[in-house]
Amino acid sequence: MRDSKRIQVSFTSSQWKLIEQFKGEFGESDAEVVRNIVLSWLSEKSFISDTIKKRIGLR
């Protein structure tokens, strides 16, 4: 990933326990799981499609 951005985030132990339950479903590494959760949330809330529509002038 040449154009990737690394960030540091902190989770409480209970948040991390919840996130760890998604290993295997959302990815294998911690980074994959967290990245895919964020992208899924953005998609669910329509942020991704709304942004694309604005960029191509549909809104």
N, C-alpha and C. Protein backbone atom coordinates (compact mmCIF):
# COMPACT_ATOMS: atom_id res chain seq x y z
N MET A 1 0.84 -1.18 0.00
CA MET A 1 0.00 0.00 0.00
C MET A 1 0.88 1.24 0.00
N ARG A 2 1.16 1.72 -1.14
CA ARG A 2 2.05 2.86 -1.28
C ARG A 2 1.44 4.16 -0.77
N ASP A 3 0.19 4.39 -1.09
CA ASP A 3 -0.48 5.63 -0.70
C ASP A 3 -1.31 5.46 0.56
N SER A 4 -0.82 4.68 1.48
CA SER A 4 -1.60 4.46 2.70
C SER A 4 -1.22 5.48 3.77
N LYS A 5 -2.10 5.66 4.70
CA LYS A 5 -1.92 6.58 5.82
C LYS A 5 -2.04 5.77 7.10
N ARG A 6 -1.06 5.92 7.96
CA ARG A 6 -1.11 5.21 9.24
C ARG A 6 -1.60 6.17 10.31
N ILE A 7 -2.51 5.67 11.12
CA ILE A 7 -2.99 6.46 12.24
C ILE A 7 -2.98 5.60 13.50
N GLN A 8 -2.93 6.25 14.61
CA GLN A 8 -2.98 5.53 15.88
C GLN A 8 -4.32 5.82 16.53
N VAL A 9 -5.01 4.77 16.90
CA VAL A 9 -6.29 4.93 17.60
C VAL A 9 -6.25 4.15 18.90
N SER A 10 -7.06 4.56 19.84
CA SER A 10 -7.13 3.88 21.14
C SER A 10 -8.55 3.39 21.37
N PHE A 11 -8.63 2.19 21.89
CA PHE A 11 -9.92 1.59 22.23
C PHE A 11 -9.89 1.16 23.68
N THR A 12 -11.04 1.20 24.32
CA THR A 12 -11.12 0.64 25.67
C THR A 12 -11.02 -0.88 25.55
N SER A 13 -10.80 -1.54 26.65
CA SER A 13 -10.68 -3.01 26.59
C SER A 13 -11.99 -3.64 26.14
N SER A 14 -13.11 -3.09 26.54
CA SER A 14 -14.39 -3.67 26.11
C SER A 14 -14.64 -3.43 24.62
N GLN A 15 -14.23 -2.26 24.12
CA GLN A 15 -14.34 -2.01 22.68
C GLN A 15 -13.46 -2.98 21.90
N TRP A 16 -12.25 -3.19 22.39
CA TRP A 16 -11.33 -4.08 21.68
C TRP A 16 -11.83 -5.52 21.68
N LYS A 17 -12.43 -5.96 22.78
CA LYS A 17 -12.99 -7.31 22.83
C LYS A 17 -14.06 -7.48 21.76
N LEU A 18 -14.87 -6.45 21.57
CA LEU A 18 -15.90 -6.49 20.54
C LEU A 18 -15.27 -6.55 19.15
N ILE A 19 -14.29 -5.71 18.91
CA ILE A 19 -13.62 -5.66 17.61
C ILE A 19 -12.94 -6.99 17.29
N GLU A 20 -12.31 -7.59 18.27
CA GLU A 20 -11.61 -8.86 18.05
C GLU A 20 -12.54 -9.97 17.59
N GLN A 21 -13.81 -9.86 17.93
CA GLN A 21 -14.78 -10.89 17.53
C GLN A 21 -15.00 -10.90 16.02
N PHE A 22 -14.58 -9.83 15.34
CA PHE A 22 -14.77 -9.75 13.89
C PHE A 22 -13.57 -10.27 13.10
N LYS A 23 -12.52 -10.68 13.78
CA LYS A 23 -11.37 -11.27 13.06
C LYS A 23 -11.84 -12.51 12.32
N GLY A 24 -11.44 -12.61 11.10
CA GLY A 24 -11.87 -13.72 10.25
C GLY A 24 -13.05 -13.34 9.38
N GLU A 25 -13.93 -12.48 9.89
CA GLU A 25 -15.09 -12.02 9.13
C GLU A 25 -14.75 -10.73 8.37
N PHE A 26 -14.05 -9.83 9.03
CA PHE A 26 -13.72 -8.53 8.45
C PHE A 26 -12.25 -8.43 8.06
N GLY A 27 -11.49 -9.47 8.25
CA GLY A 27 -10.08 -9.47 7.92
C GLY A 27 -9.30 -10.30 8.92
N GLU A 28 -8.01 -10.46 8.64
CA GLU A 28 -7.17 -11.28 9.50
C GLU A 28 -6.34 -10.45 10.48
N SER A 29 -5.89 -9.29 10.05
CA SER A 29 -5.06 -8.46 10.93
C SER A 29 -5.93 -7.43 11.65
N ASP A 30 -5.39 -6.88 12.72
CA ASP A 30 -6.09 -5.83 13.46
C ASP A 30 -6.42 -4.66 12.53
N ALA A 31 -5.45 -4.26 11.72
CA ALA A 31 -5.64 -3.12 10.82
C ALA A 31 -6.75 -3.39 9.81
N GLU A 32 -6.78 -4.59 9.24
CA GLU A 32 -7.82 -4.93 8.27
C GLU A 32 -9.20 -4.87 8.90
N VAL A 33 -9.31 -5.41 10.10
CA VAL A 33 -10.60 -5.44 10.78
C VAL A 33 -11.10 -4.03 11.06
N VAL A 34 -10.25 -3.19 11.64
CA VAL A 34 -10.65 -1.82 11.96
C VAL A 34 -10.97 -1.05 10.68
N ARG A 35 -10.14 -1.17 9.66
CA ARG A 35 -10.37 -0.48 8.38
C ARG A 35 -11.71 -0.90 7.78
N ASN A 36 -11.99 -2.19 7.78
CA ASN A 36 -13.24 -2.68 7.18
C ASN A 36 -14.47 -2.30 7.99
N ILE A 37 -14.33 -2.23 9.30
CA ILE A 37 -15.44 -1.75 10.13
C ILE A 37 -15.74 -0.30 9.80
N VAL A 38 -14.72 0.52 9.69
CA VAL A 38 -14.91 1.94 9.37
C VAL A 38 -15.56 2.08 7.99
N LEU A 39 -15.04 1.38 7.01
CA LEU A 39 -15.61 1.47 5.66
C LEU A 39 -17.04 0.96 5.61
N SER A 40 -17.34 -0.09 6.34
CA SER A 40 -18.71 -0.60 6.40
C SER A 40 -19.65 0.42 7.01
N TRP A 41 -19.21 1.08 8.07
CA TRP A 41 -20.03 2.10 8.73
C TRP A 41 -20.27 3.28 7.79
N LEU A 42 -19.22 3.72 7.11
CA LEU A 42 -19.36 4.83 6.15
C LEU A 42 -20.36 4.48 5.05
N SER A 43 -20.28 3.26 4.58
CA SER A 43 -21.19 2.80 3.53
C SER A 43 -22.62 2.72 4.05
N GLU A 44 -22.79 2.16 5.23
CA GLU A 44 -24.11 2.01 5.83
C GLU A 44 -24.79 3.37 6.02
N LYS A 45 -24.03 4.37 6.38
CA LYS A 45 -24.57 5.71 6.62
C LYS A 45 -24.65 6.54 5.34
N SER A 46 -24.36 5.92 4.21
CA SER A 46 -24.44 6.54 2.88
C SER A 46 -23.42 7.65 2.65
N PHE A 47 -22.40 7.77 3.49
CA PHE A 47 -21.39 8.79 3.29
C PHE A 47 -20.63 8.57 1.98
N ILE A 48 -20.36 7.32 1.66
CA ILE A 48 -19.58 7.02 0.46
C ILE A 48 -20.39 7.36 -0.79
N SER A 49 -21.61 6.86 -0.89
CA SER A 49 -22.40 7.12 -2.10
C SER A 49 -22.76 8.60 -2.21
N ASP A 50 -23.06 9.27 -1.10
CA ASP A 50 -23.37 10.70 -1.15
C ASP A 50 -22.18 11.51 -1.65
N THR A 51 -20.99 11.16 -1.20
CA THR A 51 -19.78 11.87 -1.62
C THR A 51 -19.53 11.68 -3.11
N ILE A 52 -19.68 10.47 -3.59
CA ILE A 52 -19.50 10.19 -5.02
C ILE A 52 -20.53 10.95 -5.85
N LYS A 53 -21.77 10.92 -5.40
CA LYS A 53 -22.83 11.64 -6.14
C LYS A 53 -22.54 13.14 -6.19
N LYS A 54 -22.06 13.70 -5.11
CA LYS A 54 -21.73 15.13 -5.11
C LYS A 54 -20.59 15.41 -6.08
N ARG A 55 -19.61 14.53 -6.11
CA ARG A 55 -18.46 14.74 -7.00
C ARG A 55 -18.82 14.67 -8.47
N ILE A 56 -19.78 13.84 -8.80
CA ILE A 56 -20.15 13.74 -10.22
C ILE A 56 -21.35 14.62 -10.56
N GLY A 57 -21.82 15.39 -9.58
CA GLY A 57 -22.84 16.38 -9.83
C GLY A 57 -24.27 15.90 -9.82
N LEU A 58 -24.52 14.78 -9.15
CA LEU A 58 -25.89 14.26 -9.09
C LEU A 58 -26.67 14.84 -7.92
N ARG A 59 -26.04 15.61 -7.07
CA ARG A 59 -26.74 16.21 -5.93
C ARG A 59 -26.42 17.65 -5.83
